C-alpha atoms as a PDB file:
ATOM      1  CA  MET A   1      59.207  90.379 215.425  1.00  0.00           C
ATOM      2  CA  GLY A   2      61.595  93.159 213.211  1.00  0.00           C
ATOM      3  CA  ARG A   3      59.824  95.834 211.123  1.00  0.00           C
ATOM      4  CA  THR A   4      59.189  95.405 207.254  1.00  0.00           C
ATOM      5  CA  ALA A   5      61.703  97.093 205.050  1.00  0.00           C
ATOM      6  CA  MET A   6      60.174  99.920 203.115  1.00  0.00           C
ATOM      7  CA  ILE A   7      61.312 100.944 199.936  1.00  0.00           C
ATOM      8  CA  THR A   8      60.121 102.757 197.756  1.00  0.00           C
ATOM      9  CA  ARG A   9      59.589 102.341 193.744  1.00  0.00           C
ATOM     10  CA  ASP A  10      62.208 105.066 192.797  1.00  0.00           C
ATOM     11  CA  ARG A  11      64.611 103.264 195.165  1.00  0.00           C
ATOM     12  CA  LEU A  12      64.714  99.798 193.426  1.00  0.00           C
ATOM     13  CA  LEU A  13      64.895 101.551 190.204  1.00  0.00           C
ATOM     14  CA  GLU A  14      68.129 103.221 191.630  1.00  0.00           C
ATOM     15  CA  VAL A  15      69.325  99.691 193.148  1.00  0.00           C
ATOM     16  CA  ALA A  16      68.326  97.899 189.882  1.00  0.00           C
ATOM     17  CA  GLU A  17      70.744 100.769 187.944  1.00  0.00           C
ATOM     18  CA  ASP A  18      73.590 100.069 190.565  1.00  0.00           C
ATOM     19  CA  ILE A  19      73.202  96.410 189.541  1.00  0.00           C
ATOM     20  CA  VAL A  20      72.955  97.021 185.860  1.00  0.00           C
ATOM     21  CA  ARG A  21      76.091  99.141 185.851  1.00  0.00           C
ATOM     22  CA  SER A  22      78.240  97.226 188.432  1.00  0.00           C
ATOM     23  CA  ARG A  23      77.183  93.684 186.722  1.00  0.00           C
ATOM     24  CA  GLY A  24      75.424  94.333 183.402  1.00  0.00           C
ATOM     25  CA  GLY A  25      71.740  93.947 182.324  1.00  0.00           C
ATOM     26  CA  ALA A  26      72.068  90.201 182.585  1.00  0.00           C
ATOM     27  CA  ALA A  27      72.484  90.408 186.305  1.00  0.00           C
ATOM     28  CA  LEU A  28      69.234  92.511 186.740  1.00  0.00           C
ATOM     29  CA  THR A  29      66.813  89.851 188.129  1.00  0.00           C
ATOM     30  CA  ILE A  30      63.667  90.170 190.608  1.00  0.00           C
ATOM     31  CA  GLY A  31      65.915  88.054 192.990  1.00  0.00           C
ATOM     32  CA  ALA A  32      69.050  89.879 192.474  1.00  0.00           C
ATOM     33  CA  LEU A  33      67.085  93.085 192.735  1.00  0.00           C
ATOM     34  CA  ALA A  34      65.108  92.107 195.719  1.00  0.00           C
ATOM     35  CA  GLN A  35      68.244  90.799 197.773  1.00  0.00           C
ATOM     36  CA  ALA A  36      69.989  93.901 196.919  1.00  0.00           C
ATOM     37  CA  ALA A  37      67.409  96.067 198.233  1.00  0.00           C
ATOM     38  CA  GLY A  38      67.010  94.085 201.238  1.00  0.00           C
ATOM     39  CA  VAL A  39      63.145  93.513 200.596  1.00  0.00           C
ATOM     40  CA  SER A  40      61.065  90.233 199.551  1.00  0.00           C
ATOM     41  CA  LYS A  41      60.900  88.857 195.917  1.00  0.00           C
ATOM     42  CA  GLY A  42      57.466  89.794 196.474  1.00  0.00           C
ATOM     43  CA  GLY A  43      57.865  92.942 197.761  1.00  0.00           C
ATOM     44  CA  VAL A  44      59.958  93.546 194.549  1.00  0.00           C
ATOM     45  CA  GLN A  45      56.976  92.533 192.251  1.00  0.00           C
ATOM     46  CA  TYR A  46      54.606  94.609 194.070  1.00  0.00           C
ATOM     47  CA  SER A  47      56.265  97.351 192.284  1.00  0.00           C
ATOM     48  CA  PHE A  48      57.222  95.646 189.270  1.00  0.00           C
ATOM     49  CA  ALA A  49      55.544  92.156 188.040  1.00  0.00           C
ATOM     50  CA  SER A  50      58.658  90.925 185.702  1.00  0.00           C
ATOM     51  CA  LYS A  51      61.783  91.842 185.058  1.00  0.00           C
ATOM     52  CA  ASP A  52      60.501  93.613 181.932  1.00  0.00           C
ATOM     53  CA  ALA A  53      58.656  95.820 183.727  1.00  0.00           C
ATOM     54  CA  ILE A  54      61.822  96.933 185.681  1.00  0.00           C
ATOM     55  CA  VAL A  55      63.614  97.715 182.708  1.00  0.00           C
ATOM     56  CA  ARG A  56      60.810  99.334 181.329  1.00  0.00           C
ATOM     57  CA  ALA A  57      60.930 101.575 184.141  1.00  0.00           C
ATOM     58  CA  LEU A  58      64.075 101.921 183.576  1.00  0.00           C
ATOM     59  CA  ILE A  59      63.927 103.135 180.489  1.00  0.00           C
ATOM     60  CA  ASP A  60      61.224 105.394 181.164  1.00  0.00           C
ATOM     61  CA  ARG A  61      63.208 107.030 183.969  1.00  0.00           C
ATOM     62  CA  TRP A  62      66.677 107.472 181.477  1.00  0.00           C
ATOM     63  CA  THR A  63      64.240 108.986 178.785  1.00  0.00           C
ATOM     64  CA  ALA A  64      62.795 111.367 181.258  1.00  0.00           C
ATOM     65  CA  GLN A  65      65.748 112.369 182.417  1.00  0.00           C
ATOM     66  CA  PHE A  66      66.986 112.841 178.837  1.00  0.00           C
ATOM     67  CA  ASP A  67      63.836 114.725 177.842  1.00  0.00           C
ATOM     68  CA  ALA A  68      64.372 117.327 180.835  1.00  0.00           C
ATOM     69  CA  LEU A  69      68.328 118.095 180.041  1.00  0.00           C
ATOM     70  CA  LEU A  70      67.127 118.403 176.179  1.00  0.00           C
ATOM     71  CA  GLY A  71      64.551 121.020 177.210  1.00  0.00           C
ATOM     72  CA  ASP A  72      62.150 122.386 174.658  1.00  0.00           C
ATOM     73  CA  PRO A  73      63.305 123.866 171.580  1.00  0.00           C
ATOM     74  CA  PRO A  74      61.155 124.808 168.732  1.00  0.00           C
ATOM     75  CA  PRO A  75      60.910 122.083 165.928  1.00  0.00           C
ATOM     76  CA  GLU A  76      61.557 124.987 163.277  1.00  0.00           C
ATOM     77  CA  ASP A  77      65.024 125.110 164.505  1.00  0.00           C
ATOM     78  CA  PRO A  78      66.748 122.218 163.953  1.00  0.00           C
ATOM     79  CA  VAL A  79      70.214 123.320 164.543  1.00  0.00           C
ATOM     80  CA  LEU A  80      69.076 124.621 167.919  1.00  0.00           C
ATOM     81  CA  PHE A  81      67.395 121.190 168.573  1.00  0.00           C
ATOM     82  CA  VAL A  82      70.846 119.352 167.785  1.00  0.00           C
ATOM     83  CA  ASP A  83      72.958 121.548 169.858  1.00  0.00           C
ATOM     84  CA  ARG A  84      70.670 120.959 172.420  1.00  0.00           C
ATOM     85  CA  TYR A  85      70.779 117.008 171.977  1.00  0.00           C
ATOM     86  CA  ILE A  86      74.911 117.372 171.911  1.00  0.00           C
ATOM     87  CA  ALA A  87      74.309 118.482 175.010  1.00  0.00           C
ATOM     88  CA  ALA A  88      71.897 115.994 176.394  1.00  0.00           C
ATOM     89  CA  THR A  89      73.876 113.544 175.202  1.00  0.00           C
ATOM     90  CA  ARG A  90      77.034 114.797 176.613  1.00  0.00           C
ATOM     91  CA  ALA A  91      75.509 115.590 179.983  1.00  0.00           C
ATOM     92  CA  SER A  92      73.668 111.974 180.129  1.00  0.00           C
ATOM     93  CA  GLN A  93      76.696 109.961 179.204  1.00  0.00           C
ATOM     94  CA  GLN A  94      78.182 110.323 182.288  1.00  0.00           C
ATOM     95  CA  ALA A  95      75.787 108.249 183.873  1.00  0.00           C
ATOM     96  CA  LEU A  96      75.194 105.932 181.087  1.00  0.00           C
ATOM     97  CA  ASP A  97      77.678 103.238 180.401  1.00  0.00           C
ATOM     98  CA  ALA A  98      77.967 100.624 178.123  1.00  0.00           C
ATOM     99  CA  LYS A  99      76.202  98.171 180.592  1.00  0.00           C
ATOM    100  CA  MET A 100      73.095 100.332 180.518  1.00  0.00           C
ATOM    101  CA  ALA A 101      72.841 100.769 177.045  1.00  0.00           C
ATOM    102  CA  ALA A 102      73.096  97.411 176.673  1.00  0.00           C
ATOM    103  CA  LEU A 103      69.723  97.031 178.796  1.00  0.00           C
ATOM    104  CA  LEU A 104      68.646  99.313 176.168  1.00  0.00           C
ATOM    105  CA  VAL A 105      69.291  97.065 173.506  1.00  0.00           C
ATOM    106  CA  SER A 106      67.405  94.165 175.349  1.00  0.00           C
ATOM    107  CA  TYR A 107      64.784  96.085 175.646  1.00  0.00           C
ATOM    108  CA  LEU A 108      64.254  97.140 171.824  1.00  0.00           C
ATOM    109  CA  GLU A 109      63.622  93.217 171.704  1.00  0.00           C
ATOM    110  CA  ASP A 110      60.124  93.592 172.792  1.00  0.00           C
ATOM    111  CA  PRO A 111      58.006  94.578 169.515  1.00  0.00           C
ATOM    112  CA  ALA A 112      55.759  97.013 171.448  1.00  0.00           C
ATOM    113  CA  ASN A 113      58.908  98.796 172.528  1.00  0.00           C
ATOM    114  CA  LEU A 114      60.688  99.115 169.156  1.00  0.00           C
ATOM    115  CA  ARG A 115      57.689 100.496 167.803  1.00  0.00           C
ATOM    116  CA  GLU A 116      57.533 103.187 170.607  1.00  0.00           C
ATOM    117  CA  THR A 117      61.136 103.791 169.907  1.00  0.00           C
ATOM    118  CA  ARG A 118      60.596 103.988 166.144  1.00  0.00           C
ATOM    119  CA  ALA A 119      57.796 106.450 166.719  1.00  0.00           C
ATOM    120  CA  TRP A 120      60.536 108.630 168.773  1.00  0.00           C
ATOM    121  CA  TYR A 121      62.827 108.629 165.918  1.00  0.00           C
ATOM    122  CA  ARG A 122      60.329 109.712 163.514  1.00  0.00           C
ATOM    123  CA  GLY A 123      59.011 112.319 165.810  1.00  0.00           C
ATOM    124  CA  VAL A 124      63.093 113.616 166.098  1.00  0.00           C
ATOM    125  CA  PHE A 125      63.294 113.767 162.041  1.00  0.00           C
ATOM    126  CA  ALA A 126      60.017 115.395 162.003  1.00  0.00           C
ATOM    127  CA  ARG A 127      61.765 118.081 163.975  1.00  0.00           C
ATOM    128  CA  LEU A 128      64.927 117.901 161.517  1.00  0.00           C
ATOM    129  CA  SER A 129      62.688 117.903 158.435  1.00  0.00           C
ATOM    130  CA  GLY A 130      63.613 120.389 155.657  1.00  0.00           C
ATOM    131  CA  ASP A 131      65.673 121.117 152.364  1.00  0.00           C
ATOM    132  CA  GLY A 132      67.762 124.196 153.444  1.00  0.00           C
ATOM    133  CA  PRO A 133      71.563 123.670 154.734  1.00  0.00           C
ATOM    134  CA  GLU A 134      70.985 124.096 158.113  1.00  0.00           C
ATOM    135  CA  ALA A 135      68.412 121.540 158.107  1.00  0.00           C
ATOM    136  CA  ARG A 136      70.583 119.055 156.310  1.00  0.00           C
ATOM    137  CA  ALA A 137      73.694 119.851 158.668  1.00  0.00           C
ATOM    138  CA  ALA A 138      71.351 119.184 161.845  1.00  0.00           C
ATOM    139  CA  ARG A 139      70.448 115.955 160.327  1.00  0.00           C
ATOM    140  CA  VAL A 140      73.938 114.912 159.998  1.00  0.00           C
ATOM    141  CA  ALA A 141      75.031 116.063 163.017  1.00  0.00           C
ATOM    142  CA  PHE A 142      71.865 113.805 164.772  1.00  0.00           C
ATOM    143  CA  LEU A 143      73.013 110.877 162.818  1.00  0.00           C
ATOM    144  CA  ALA A 144      76.803 111.387 164.046  1.00  0.00           C
ATOM    145  CA  VAL A 145      75.912 111.520 167.638  1.00  0.00           C
ATOM    146  CA  GLU A 146      73.659 108.536 167.290  1.00  0.00           C
ATOM    147  CA  GLY A 147      76.537 106.946 165.549  1.00  0.00           C
ATOM    148  CA  LEU A 148      78.685 107.846 168.851  1.00  0.00           C
ATOM    149  CA  PHE A 149      76.315 106.197 171.067  1.00  0.00           C
ATOM    150  CA  LEU A 150      75.833 102.787 169.122  1.00  0.00           C
ATOM    151  CA  MET A 151      79.794 102.849 169.244  1.00  0.00           C
ATOM    152  CA  ARG A 152      79.556 103.303 172.970  1.00  0.00           C
ATOM    153  CA  ILE A 153      77.160 100.543 173.240  1.00  0.00           C
ATOM    154  CA  ASN A 154      79.626  98.205 171.591  1.00  0.00           C
ATOM    155  CA  GLY A 155      82.482  99.055 174.326  1.00  0.00           C
ATOM    156  CA  ILE A 156      84.058 100.949 170.667  1.00  0.00           C
ATOM    157  CA  ASP A 157      84.647 104.379 172.620  1.00  0.00           C
ATOM    158  CA  ASP A 158      86.132 104.909 175.454  1.00  0.00           C
ATOM    159  CA  LYS A 159      85.315 107.415 178.435  1.00  0.00           C
ATOM    160  CA  ASP A 160      88.109 109.522 177.595  1.00  0.00           C
ATOM    161  CA  SER A 161      87.638 110.155 174.194  1.00  0.00           C
ATOM    162  CA  TRP A 162      83.895 110.356 174.289  1.00  0.00           C
ATOM    163  CA  ALA A 163      83.435 114.038 175.042  1.00  0.00           C
ATOM    164  CA  GLY A 164      86.099 115.121 172.060  1.00  0.00           C
ATOM    165  CA  LEU A 165      83.588 113.345 169.567  1.00  0.00           C
ATOM    166  CA  LEU A 166      81.329 115.125 170.669  1.00  0.00           C
ATOM    167  CA  ASP A 167      82.989 118.576 170.429  1.00  0.00           C
ATOM    168  CA  ASP A 168      84.373 117.471 167.073  1.00  0.00           C
ATOM    169  CA  VAL A 169      80.345 117.004 166.127  1.00  0.00           C
ATOM    170  CA  GLU A 170      79.199 119.994 167.412  1.00  0.00           C
ATOM    171  CA  ALA A 171      81.960 122.145 165.893  1.00  0.00           C
ATOM    172  CA  THR A 172      81.361 120.207 162.520  1.00  0.00           C
ATOM    173  CA  LEU A 173      77.697 121.182 162.929  1.00  0.00           C
ATOM    174  CA  LEU A 174      78.400 125.175 163.512  1.00  0.00           C
ATOM    175  CA  ARG A 175      80.820 124.846 160.804  1.00  0.00           C
ATOM    176  CA  LEU A 176      78.603 123.446 158.596  1.00  0.00           C
ATOM    177  CA  ILE A 177      75.806 126.116 159.158  1.00  0.00           C
ATOM    178  CA  GLU A 178      78.050 129.131 158.969  1.00  0.00           C
ATOM    179  CA  THR A 179      79.840 128.083 155.386  1.00  0.00           C
ATOM    180  CA  PRO A 180      76.203 125.991 154.145  1.00  0.00           C
ATOM    181  CA  VAL A 181      77.122 123.633 151.467  1.00  0.00           C
ATOM    182  CA  LYS A 182      75.297 124.201 147.795  1.00  0.00           C
END
Protein backbone atom coordinates (compact mmCIF):
# COMPACT_ATOMS: atom_id res chain seq x y z
CA MET A 1 0.00 0.00 0.00
CA GLY A 2 1.39 3.41 -1.01
CA ARG A 3 1.97 6.25 1.36
CA THR A 4 -0.68 9.01 1.38
CA ALA A 5 0.61 12.24 -0.11
CA MET A 6 1.14 14.96 2.47
CA ILE A 7 0.58 18.48 1.34
CA THR A 8 0.48 21.67 3.33
CA ARG A 9 -1.97 24.51 3.09
CA ASP A 10 0.81 26.73 1.69
CA ARG A 11 1.66 24.17 -0.98
CA LEU A 12 -2.02 23.99 -1.96
CA LEU A 13 -2.03 27.78 -2.34
CA GLU A 14 1.08 27.61 -4.53
CA VAL A 15 -0.63 25.05 -6.75
CA ALA A 16 -3.82 27.16 -6.79
CA GLU A 17 -1.78 30.18 -7.93
CA ASP A 18 -0.27 28.08 -10.71
CA ILE A 19 -3.74 27.03 -11.86
CA VAL A 20 -5.02 30.61 -11.90
CA ARG A 21 -1.90 31.92 -13.62
CA SER A 22 -1.92 29.27 -16.34
CA ARG A 23 -5.66 28.75 -16.89
CA GLY A 24 -7.49 31.63 -15.20
CA GLY A 25 -9.73 31.95 -12.14
CA ALA A 26 -12.60 29.89 -13.56
CA ALA A 27 -10.29 26.86 -13.76
CA LEU A 28 -9.70 26.90 -10.02
CA THR A 29 -11.96 24.25 -8.52
CA ILE A 30 -11.49 21.87 -5.62
CA GLY A 31 -11.23 19.01 -8.12
CA ALA A 32 -8.65 20.77 -10.30
CA LEU A 33 -6.61 21.72 -7.24
CA ALA A 34 -6.74 18.16 -5.90
CA GLN A 35 -5.64 16.72 -9.23
CA ALA A 36 -2.82 19.23 -9.70
CA ALA A 37 -1.60 18.71 -6.13
CA GLY A 38 -1.85 14.93 -6.32
CA VAL A 39 -4.26 14.61 -3.41
CA SER A 40 -7.90 13.70 -3.01
CA LYS A 41 -10.71 16.26 -3.02
CA GLY A 42 -11.13 15.45 0.65
CA GLY A 43 -7.47 16.33 1.17
CA VAL A 44 -8.09 19.76 -0.30
CA GLN A 45 -11.31 20.19 1.67
CA TYR A 46 -9.45 19.37 4.86
CA SER A 47 -7.59 22.69 4.38
CA PHE A 48 -10.24 24.61 2.42
CA ALA A 49 -13.93 23.88 2.80
CA SER A 50 -14.87 25.51 -0.51
CA LYS A 51 -13.55 27.30 -3.57
CA ASP A 52 -14.46 30.57 -1.84
CA ALA A 53 -12.19 29.57 1.05
CA ILE A 54 -9.34 28.95 -1.41
CA VAL A 55 -9.90 32.31 -3.09
CA ARG A 56 -10.07 34.04 0.30
CA ALA A 57 -6.79 32.41 1.33
CA LEU A 58 -5.15 33.48 -1.95
CA ILE A 59 -6.32 37.06 -1.43
CA ASP A 60 -5.09 37.02 2.18
CA ARG A 61 -1.74 35.68 1.01
CA TRP A 62 -1.37 38.32 -1.72
CA THR A 63 -2.46 41.07 0.69
CA ALA A 64 0.12 39.97 3.27
CA GLN A 65 2.83 39.91 0.60
CA PHE A 66 1.84 43.40 -0.60
CA ASP A 67 1.70 44.75 2.96
CA ALA A 68 5.20 43.37 3.61
CA LEU A 69 6.44 45.19 0.48
CA LEU A 70 4.65 48.36 1.59
CA GLY A 71 6.17 48.43 5.06
CA ASP A 72 4.83 50.77 7.69
CA PRO A 73 5.08 54.41 6.56
CA PRO A 74 3.82 56.99 9.02
CA PRO A 75 0.28 58.16 8.23
CA GLU A 76 1.27 61.81 8.61
CA ASP A 77 3.46 61.59 5.49
CA PRO A 78 1.14 60.89 2.55
CA VAL A 79 3.89 61.33 -0.05
CA LEU A 80 6.08 58.70 1.62
CA PHE A 81 3.08 56.36 1.80
CA VAL A 82 2.29 56.71 -1.92
CA ASP A 83 5.96 56.47 -2.88
CA ARG A 84 6.13 53.14 -1.03
CA TYR A 85 2.78 52.14 -2.54
CA ILE A 86 4.19 52.70 -6.02
CA ALA A 87 7.31 50.66 -5.16
CA ALA A 88 5.19 47.84 -3.68
CA THR A 89 2.90 47.87 -6.72
CA ARG A 90 5.90 47.74 -9.04
CA ALA A 91 7.38 44.77 -7.13
CA SER A 92 4.12 42.87 -6.76
CA GLN A 93 3.02 43.22 -10.39
CA GLN A 94 5.64 40.71 -11.46
CA ALA A 95 3.64 38.05 -9.63
CA LEU A 96 0.15 39.42 -10.25
CA ASP A 97 -0.92 39.10 -13.85
CA ALA A 98 -4.32 39.78 -15.37
CA LYS A 99 -5.60 36.28 -14.59
CA MET A 100 -4.76 36.70 -10.91
CA ALA A 101 -6.36 40.13 -10.93
CA ALA A 102 -9.54 38.68 -12.43
CA LEU A 103 -9.74 36.36 -9.44
CA LEU A 104 -9.61 39.46 -7.23
CA VAL A 105 -12.63 40.83 -9.06
CA SER A 106 -14.61 37.65 -8.44
CA TYR A 107 -13.60 37.87 -4.78
CA LEU A 108 -15.38 41.22 -4.56
CA GLU A 109 -18.70 39.66 -5.58
CA ASP A 110 -19.12 38.51 -1.98
CA PRO A 111 -20.64 41.39 0.06
CA ALA A 112 -18.44 40.63 3.09
CA ASN A 113 -15.30 40.78 0.97
CA LEU A 114 -16.49 44.00 -0.65
CA ARG A 115 -17.04 45.56 2.81
CA GLU A 116 -13.53 44.54 3.86
CA THR A 117 -12.02 46.00 0.69
CA ARG A 118 -13.93 49.25 1.14
CA ALA A 119 -12.69 49.46 4.73
CA TRP A 120 -9.11 48.99 3.50
CA TYR A 121 -9.52 51.84 1.01
CA ARG A 122 -11.05 54.07 3.70
CA GLY A 123 -7.93 53.39 5.77
CA VAL A 124 -5.69 54.35 2.86
CA PHE A 125 -7.58 57.59 2.27
CA ALA A 126 -7.36 58.38 5.98
CA ARG A 127 -3.56 58.17 5.59
CA LEU A 128 -3.79 60.48 2.59
CA SER A 129 -6.07 63.05 4.21
CA GLY A 130 -5.25 66.71 4.38
CA ASP A 131 -5.75 69.88 2.39
CA GLY A 132 -2.12 70.63 1.63
CA PRO A 133 -0.51 70.26 -1.79
CA GLU A 134 1.47 67.18 -0.74
CA ALA A 135 -1.66 65.36 0.43
CA ARG A 136 -3.50 66.29 -2.77
CA ALA A 137 -0.56 65.14 -4.93
CA ALA A 138 -0.35 61.89 -2.97
CA ARG A 139 -4.08 61.21 -3.47
CA VAL A 140 -3.83 61.85 -7.22
CA ALA A 141 -0.79 59.57 -7.52
CA PHE A 142 -2.53 56.84 -5.51
CA LEU A 143 -5.60 57.05 -7.76
CA ALA A 144 -3.37 56.88 -10.84
CA VAL A 145 -1.71 53.69 -9.57
CA GLU A 146 -5.11 52.17 -8.83
CA GLY A 147 -6.24 53.16 -12.35
CA LEU A 148 -3.21 51.34 -13.77
CA PHE A 149 -4.21 48.29 -11.75
CA LEU A 150 -7.71 48.39 -13.26
CA MET A 151 -6.21 48.70 -16.73
CA ARG A 152 -4.09 45.63 -15.97
CA ILE A 153 -7.14 43.66 -14.82
CA ASN A 154 -8.90 44.49 -18.07
CA GLY A 155 -5.89 43.62 -20.20
CA ILE A 156 -5.53 47.16 -21.55
CA ASP A 157 -1.93 47.51 -20.40
CA ASP A 158 0.82 45.14 -21.37
CA LYS A 159 3.79 44.14 -19.25
CA ASP A 160 6.24 46.12 -21.36
CA SER A 161 4.68 49.50 -20.61
CA TRP A 162 3.69 48.81 -16.99
CA ALA A 163 6.97 49.92 -15.41
CA GLY A 164 7.11 53.03 -17.61
CA LEU A 165 3.61 54.06 -16.55
CA LEU A 166 4.51 53.64 -12.88
CA ASP A 167 7.64 55.72 -13.53
CA ASP A 168 5.39 58.44 -14.98
CA VAL A 169 3.17 58.46 -11.89
CA GLU A 170 6.15 58.58 -9.58
CA ALA A 171 7.85 61.39 -11.52
CA THR A 172 4.61 63.38 -11.59
CA LEU A 173 4.16 62.94 -7.83
CA LEU A 174 7.68 64.23 -7.19
CA ARG A 175 7.14 67.18 -9.56
CA LEU A 176 3.85 68.08 -7.89
CA ILE A 177 5.36 68.17 -4.40
CA GLU A 178 8.34 70.24 -5.63
CA THR A 179 6.11 72.82 -7.35
CA PRO A 180 2.77 72.80 -5.53
CA VAL A 181 -0.31 74.06 -7.33
CA LYS A 182 -1.95 77.01 -5.58
